[in-house]
Structures are given as C-alpha cells and as structure tokens.
N, C-alpha and C. Protein backbone atom coordinates (compact mmCIF):
# COMPACT_ATOMS: atom_id res chain seq x y z
N MET A 1 0.99 -0.80 0.19
CA MET A 1 0.67 -0.33 0.05
C MET A 1 1.03 1.74 -0.48
N THR A 2 0.38 2.31 -0.39
CA THR A 2 1.44 3.62 -0.40
C THR A 2 0.62 4.12 1.16
N ASP A 3 1.84 4.97 0.71
CA ASP A 3 1.78 6.14 2.25
C ASP A 3 0.94 7.62 1.26
N PRO A 4 -0.35 7.90 2.99
CA PRO A 4 -0.85 9.03 3.12
C PRO A 4 0.20 9.50 2.20
N ALA A 5 -0.23 10.62 1.52
CA ALA A 5 0.69 12.44 0.95
C ALA A 5 0.95 13.14 2.19
N PRO A 6 2.13 13.45 2.75
CA PRO A 6 2.50 13.92 4.20
C PRO A 6 1.33 15.75 4.04
N THR A 7 0.79 15.92 4.95
CA THR A 7 0.22 16.63 5.60
C THR A 7 1.29 18.15 5.44
N ARG A 8 -0.04 19.42 5.05
CA ARG A 8 0.88 20.77 4.69
C ARG A 8 2.05 20.63 6.40
N LEU A 9 1.78 20.33 7.11
CA LEU A 9 1.97 20.63 8.79
C LEU A 9 2.95 20.00 8.87
N THR A 10 2.74 18.56 8.44
CA THR A 10 4.26 17.52 9.27
C THR A 10 5.40 17.89 7.58
N LEU A 11 5.09 18.88 5.92
CA LEU A 11 5.83 18.95 5.78
C LEU A 11 6.43 20.46 6.06
N LEU A 12 6.12 21.07 6.79
CA LEU A 12 6.35 22.06 7.55
C LEU A 12 7.63 22.24 8.94
N ARG A 13 6.98 21.51 9.50
CA ARG A 13 8.26 20.73 10.58
C ARG A 13 9.23 20.47 10.17
N PHE A 14 9.84 20.04 9.01
CA PHE A 14 9.75 19.61 8.33
C PHE A 14 10.77 20.78 7.77
N LEU A 15 10.78 21.47 6.72
CA LEU A 15 11.41 22.48 6.54
C LEU A 15 11.85 23.43 8.06
N GLU A 16 10.88 23.43 8.90
CA GLU A 16 11.85 23.62 10.07
C GLU A 16 13.27 22.87 10.64
N ARG A 17 13.10 21.67 10.86
CA ARG A 17 14.35 21.10 11.25
C ARG A 17 14.88 21.43 10.88
N VAL A 18 15.33 21.26 8.61
CA VAL A 18 16.47 22.14 8.31
C VAL A 18 16.65 22.88 8.10
N GLN A 19 15.70 24.44 8.50
CA GLN A 19 16.85 25.41 8.56
C GLN A 19 16.66 25.08 9.97
N ILE A 20 16.68 24.57 11.06
CA ILE A 20 17.49 24.99 12.30
C ILE A 20 19.24 24.26 12.24
N ARG A 21 18.96 23.49 11.70
CA ARG A 21 20.19 22.40 11.55
C ARG A 21 21.16 23.37 11.14
N ASP A 22 20.29 23.87 9.88
CA ASP A 22 21.60 25.32 8.70
C ASP A 22 21.69 26.40 10.11
N LEU A 23 20.63 27.50 10.56
CA LEU A 23 20.93 27.98 10.63
C LEU A 23 22.47 27.62 12.35
N GLU A 24 21.91 26.47 13.66
CA GLU A 24 23.06 26.26 14.13
C GLU A 24 24.78 25.65 13.19
N ARG A 25 24.00 25.61 11.80
CA ARG A 25 25.60 25.31 11.44
C ARG A 25 26.76 26.88 11.30
N THR A 26 25.82 27.80 10.99
CA THR A 26 26.24 29.22 10.33
C THR A 26 26.48 30.07 11.55
N ARG A 27 26.04 29.64 13.09
CA ARG A 27 26.09 29.98 13.80
C ARG A 27 27.46 30.17 14.70
N ARG A 28 27.71 28.21 14.36
CA ARG A 28 28.67 27.68 14.23
C ARG A 28 29.81 27.90 13.71
N TRP A 29 29.61 28.67 11.93
CA TRP A 29 31.06 28.94 11.70
C TRP A 29 30.98 30.92 11.87
N ILE A 30 30.57 30.88 11.96
CA ILE A 30 30.36 32.40 12.82
C ILE A 30 31.20 32.17 14.30
N ALA A 31 30.81 31.50 14.83
CA ALA A 31 31.84 31.10 15.76
C ALA A 31 33.21 31.32 15.75
N GLU A 32 33.08 30.10 14.67
CA GLU A 32 34.69 29.90 14.19
C GLU A 32 35.39 30.75 14.23
N GLU A 33 34.45 31.70 12.99
CA GLU A 33 35.39 33.18 12.05
C GLU A 33 35.54 34.18 13.51
N GLU A 34 35.10 33.81 14.48
CA GLU A 34 34.70 35.13 15.50
C GLU A 34 36.19 34.89 16.10
N ARG A 35 36.23 33.56 16.85
CA ARG A 35 37.62 32.92 17.32
C ARG A 35 38.61 33.57 17.28
N ARG A 36 38.88 32.89 14.93
CA ARG A 36 40.11 33.06 14.41
C ARG A 36 40.54 34.57 14.26
N GLU A 37 39.02 35.93 14.25
CA GLU A 37 39.87 37.27 14.26
C GLU A 37 40.52 36.92 16.04
N ALA A 38 39.83 37.11 16.57
CA ALA A 38 40.28 37.25 18.12
C ALA A 38 41.62 37.27 18.16
N GLU A 39 42.10 36.17 17.90
CA GLU A 39 43.72 35.02 17.80
C GLU A 39 44.37 35.95 16.94
N ARG A 40 44.06 36.27 15.60
CA ARG A 40 45.01 37.50 14.65
C ARG A 40 44.90 38.71 15.66
N GLN A 41 43.72 39.56 16.54
CA GLN A 41 43.73 40.31 17.19
C GLN A 41 44.94 40.11 18.17
N ARG A 42 44.82 39.07 18.84
CA ARG A 42 46.27 38.88 19.89
C ARG A 42 47.65 38.57 19.21
N GLY A 43 47.80 38.22 18.38
CA GLY A 43 49.18 37.71 17.30
C GLY A 43 49.48 39.31 17.19
N MET A 44 48.45 40.19 16.38
CA MET A 44 48.54 41.41 15.98
C MET A 44 49.64 42.63 17.68
N ALA A 45 48.67 42.24 18.46
CA ALA A 45 48.63 43.33 19.86
C ALA A 45 50.67 42.37 20.61
N ALA A 46 50.43 41.46 20.37
CA ALA A 46 51.42 41.03 20.90
C ALA A 46 52.89 40.66 20.70
N ARG A 47 52.55 41.47 18.88
CA ARG A 47 54.21 41.48 17.79
C ARG A 47 55.03 42.05 17.54
N PRO A 48 56.56 42.41 18.22
CA PRO A 48 56.75 43.94 18.61
C PRO A 48 56.74 44.68 17.23
N PRO A 49 57.69 45.46 18.10
CA PRO A 49 56.99 46.95 16.94
C PRO A 49 58.14 46.61 15.73
N ASP A 50 57.78 47.59 14.48
CA ASP A 50 59.21 46.78 13.70
C ASP A 50 60.31 47.67 13.96
N PRO A 51 61.37 47.23 13.55
CA PRO A 51 62.55 48.52 13.97
C PRO A 51 62.42 49.42 13.15
N ASP A 52 63.57 50.72 12.64
CA ASP A 52 63.90 51.63 12.35
C ASP A 52 64.53 51.54 11.62
N TRP A 53 65.78 50.90 11.64
CA TRP A 53 66.98 49.97 10.46
C TRP A 53 66.44 48.97 10.53
N LEU A 54 67.07 48.35 9.31
CA LEU A 54 67.66 46.90 8.90
C LEU A 54 69.40 46.81 8.17
N ILE A 55 69.65 45.44 8.53
CA ILE A 55 71.08 45.49 7.98
C ILE A 55 70.80 44.29 6.75
N GLN A 56 70.63 44.29 5.53
CA GLN A 56 70.71 42.59 5.22
C GLN A 56 71.97 42.11 4.76
N TYR A 57 71.81 40.70 5.09
CA TYR A 57 72.92 40.31 4.95
C TYR A 57 73.34 39.09 3.47
N GLY A 58 74.74 39.52 3.36
CA GLY A 58 74.07 38.34 2.28
C GLY A 58 74.03 36.72 2.02
N LEU A 59 74.05 36.29 1.35
CA LEU A 59 73.68 34.79 1.39
C LEU A 59 75.13 33.31 2.25
N ASN A 60 75.86 33.83 2.56
CA ASN A 60 76.59 33.82 3.38
C ASN A 60 75.94 33.95 4.79
N ARG A 61 75.80 34.87 4.70
CA ARG A 61 74.90 35.63 6.58
C ARG A 61 76.85 35.88 7.26
N LYS A 62 77.25 36.34 6.53
CA LYS A 62 78.52 37.16 7.01
C LYS A 62 79.20 38.66 7.15
N ASN A 63 78.80 38.07 5.18
CA ASN A 63 78.86 40.38 4.62
C ASN A 63 77.92 40.97 4.69
N VAL A 64 78.61 42.04 4.71
CA VAL A 64 77.04 43.01 5.22
C VAL A 64 76.82 43.35 4.08
N GLU A 65 75.41 43.59 3.43
CA GLU A 65 75.00 44.20 2.29
C GLU A 65 74.31 46.03 1.56
N TRP A 66 73.31 45.27 2.80
CA TRP A 66 72.90 47.30 2.03
C TRP A 66 72.44 47.30 3.16
N VAL A 67 72.41 48.74 4.04
CA VAL A 67 71.57 48.91 4.90
C VAL A 67 70.49 49.25 4.55
N HIS A 68 68.98 49.68 4.87
CA HIS A 68 67.77 49.99 5.66
C HIS A 68 66.78 50.23 6.49
N THR A 69 65.81 51.23 5.99
CA THR A 69 65.05 51.63 6.67
C THR A 69 64.16 50.87 6.74
N GLY A 70 63.39 50.17 8.45
CA GLY A 70 62.48 49.50 9.09
C GLY A 70 61.28 49.87 7.93
N ASP A 71 60.77 50.15 6.77
CA ASP A 71 59.10 50.41 6.47
C ASP A 71 60.36 50.13 5.20
N CYS A 72 61.47 49.46 4.32
CA CYS A 72 61.86 49.54 2.90
C CYS A 72 60.93 48.32 2.44
N TRP A 73 60.51 48.27 1.68
CA TRP A 73 59.50 46.62 0.71
C TRP A 73 60.50 46.64 0.08
N ALA A 74 61.62 46.77 -0.19
CA ALA A 74 62.88 45.96 -0.45
C ALA A 74 63.59 45.18 0.17
N ALA A 75 64.26 45.92 1.73
CA ALA A 75 64.45 44.59 3.22
C ALA A 75 63.36 43.66 3.14
N ALA A 76 62.18 44.03 2.69
CA ALA A 76 61.13 43.27 3.13
C ALA A 76 61.13 41.37 2.27
N LYS A 77 61.26 42.01 1.09
CA LYS A 77 62.03 41.18 0.18
C LYS A 77 62.54 39.78 0.13
N SER A 78 63.73 40.37 0.22
CA SER A 78 64.77 39.70 0.55
C SER A 78 64.73 38.53 2.09
N GLY A 79 64.27 38.83 2.70
CA GLY A 79 64.75 37.37 3.69
C GLY A 79 65.09 37.87 4.45
N ARG A 80 67.04 38.38 3.92
CA ARG A 80 68.14 38.60 4.96
C ARG A 80 68.65 40.27 6.05
N CYS A 81 66.89 40.64 5.77
CA CYS A 81 67.78 41.76 7.27
C CYS A 81 67.32 40.74 8.45
N HIS A 82 68.29 41.96 9.33
CA HIS A 82 67.73 41.66 10.44
C HIS A 82 67.98 42.79 11.57
N PRO A 83 66.76 43.80 11.89
CA PRO A 83 67.23 44.62 13.04
C PRO A 83 68.66 45.16 13.67
N ALA A 84 68.17 46.86 13.01
CA ALA A 84 70.16 47.31 13.97
C ALA A 84 69.03 48.56 14.35
N THR A 85 69.78 49.28 15.64
CA THR A 85 70.08 50.19 16.24
C THR A 85 70.68 51.12 15.28
N ARG A 86 70.04 52.58 15.35
CA ARG A 86 70.41 53.61 14.48
C ARG A 86 72.56 54.28 14.84
N ALA A 87 72.82 52.96 16.53
CA ALA A 87 74.01 53.32 15.69
C ALA A 87 74.22 52.26 14.82
N GLN A 88 73.96 51.64 14.85
CA GLN A 88 74.97 50.38 14.03
C GLN A 88 73.72 50.51 12.74
N ALA A 89 73.22 50.92 12.11
CA ALA A 89 73.42 51.42 11.01
C ALA A 89 73.96 52.47 10.27
N LEU A 90 74.33 53.17 11.32
CA LEU A 90 75.07 54.11 11.36
C LEU A 90 76.83 53.68 10.86
N GLU A 91 77.25 52.85 11.77
CA GLU A 91 78.22 52.71 11.32
C GLU A 91 78.42 52.16 10.27
N ALA A 92 77.53 51.45 10.09
CA ALA A 92 77.64 50.31 8.18
C ALA A 92 77.80 51.33 7.48
N LEU A 93 77.26 52.26 7.28
CA LEU A 93 76.57 53.26 6.59
C LEU A 93 78.08 53.97 6.86
N ARG A 94 79.02 54.05 8.17
CA ARG A 94 80.77 54.78 7.79
C ARG A 94 81.41 53.98 7.34
N GLN A 95 80.63 52.30 7.21
CA GLN A 95 81.82 51.41 7.35
C GLN A 95 81.81 50.97 5.42
N GLN A 96 81.69 52.21 4.74
CA GLN A 96 80.96 51.45 3.11
C GLN A 96 79.53 50.75 3.04
N VAL A 97 79.23 50.50 3.78
CA VAL A 97 78.09 49.33 3.38
C VAL A 97 76.99 50.42 2.77
N PRO A 98 76.21 50.38 1.35
CA PRO A 98 76.12 50.49 0.70
C PRO A 98 73.84 50.55 1.13
N ALA A 99 74.04 52.27 0.94
CA ALA A 99 72.70 52.27 1.50
C ALA A 99 71.75 51.82 0.04
N CYS A 100 69.75 51.86 0.96
CA CYS A 100 69.65 50.84 -0.15
C CYS A 100 68.84 52.61 -0.99
N ALA A 101 68.77 51.41 -2.26
CA ALA A 101 68.27 52.88 -2.95
C ALA A 101 67.45 53.47 -3.41
N HIS A 102 66.02 52.18 -2.68
CA HIS A 102 64.75 52.36 -2.91
C HIS A 102 64.86 53.45 -1.71
N CYS A 103 65.19 53.03 -0.24
CA CYS A 103 64.86 54.24 1.48
C CYS A 103 65.14 54.63 1.64
N ARG A 104 66.41 55.12 0.70
CA ARG A 104 67.65 56.06 1.16
C ARG A 104 68.03 56.01 2.84
N PRO A 105 67.91 54.85 3.90
CA PRO A 105 68.30 55.50 5.18
C PRO A 105 69.87 56.39 5.21
N ASP A 106 70.84 56.72 4.47
CA ASP A 106 71.28 57.75 4.64
C ASP A 106 70.99 59.33 4.34
N THR A 107 70.00 59.14 3.91
CA THR A 107 69.29 60.83 4.09
C THR A 107 69.33 60.96 4.82
N ALA A 108 67.32 59.74 5.09
CA ALA A 108 67.26 59.76 7.15
C ALA A 108 67.60 59.50 7.91
N LEU A 109 69.30 59.33 8.07
CA LEU A 109 69.90 59.46 9.40
C LEU A 109 70.28 60.33 9.22
N GLY A 110 69.93 61.52 8.44
CA GLY A 110 70.86 62.80 8.75
C GLY A 110 72.39 62.57 7.89
N LEU A 111 73.02 61.78 6.97
CA LEU A 111 74.29 61.68 6.64
C LEU A 111 73.89 62.54 4.82
N LEU A 112 72.55 62.02 4.55
CA LEU A 112 72.71 63.35 3.24
C LEU A 112 71.73 64.24 3.02
N ASP A 113 71.88 65.12 2.21
CA ASP A 113 71.29 65.53 2.77
C ASP A 113 70.19 65.80 0.79
C-alpha cells in the first residue's frame, strides 16, 4: 500500500528542522570566524614593533650588503635582513656599506641631504 501524502503541517515541521540545522551550522561558522579573528588580533597585539633600521646580510650571512629603513619594501622581500639600532646603521654606512637606493637610509639618518 502507499503511504498517505504528508500533511502541510508535517512538511512545515520538516522544513523547520532543516532550517534549524542550517542556522546552527551558520552559528558554528560565525563562532569559528570570531575565534580566528580574536586570535589574529592577539597576534597583532603581541607582535613586537617594526625596527627603525635593517641591515641586510649576504647569502653566507657574514657579508653586510645593504642598510635599509625599517619600512623598506625591498628589504621585506630579501628575507636576509636583521633589525639594527640607529648607531649600528650609522656605523655600517660609515664602513662603506651601501645604502638602499629605494628607501635611502643615509638621508633618513642625516648623512646626506
């Protein structure tokens, strides 16, 4: 025998269960995204400040190649830069280490006008 067709109320109750399940899944997604965002914010707050000066070393990590300002885009791409103090940057420039042509740390340090 065939089952009788579901009533309109039965169909609406089924729709309600599906929507509740979807809403719970969406709320889980929202909670997970809020957790990720809070974690990202904590990471940003814990990050040390960017250095004012960078010294870029060669591939052998011994030769000093360039002096950069802390926000130089060219230094960020090299991956071989280390933070430096103002005194270290000045000393490197006085020792004939080239200044980056993009960020001009020699000008920023007042060696050139």
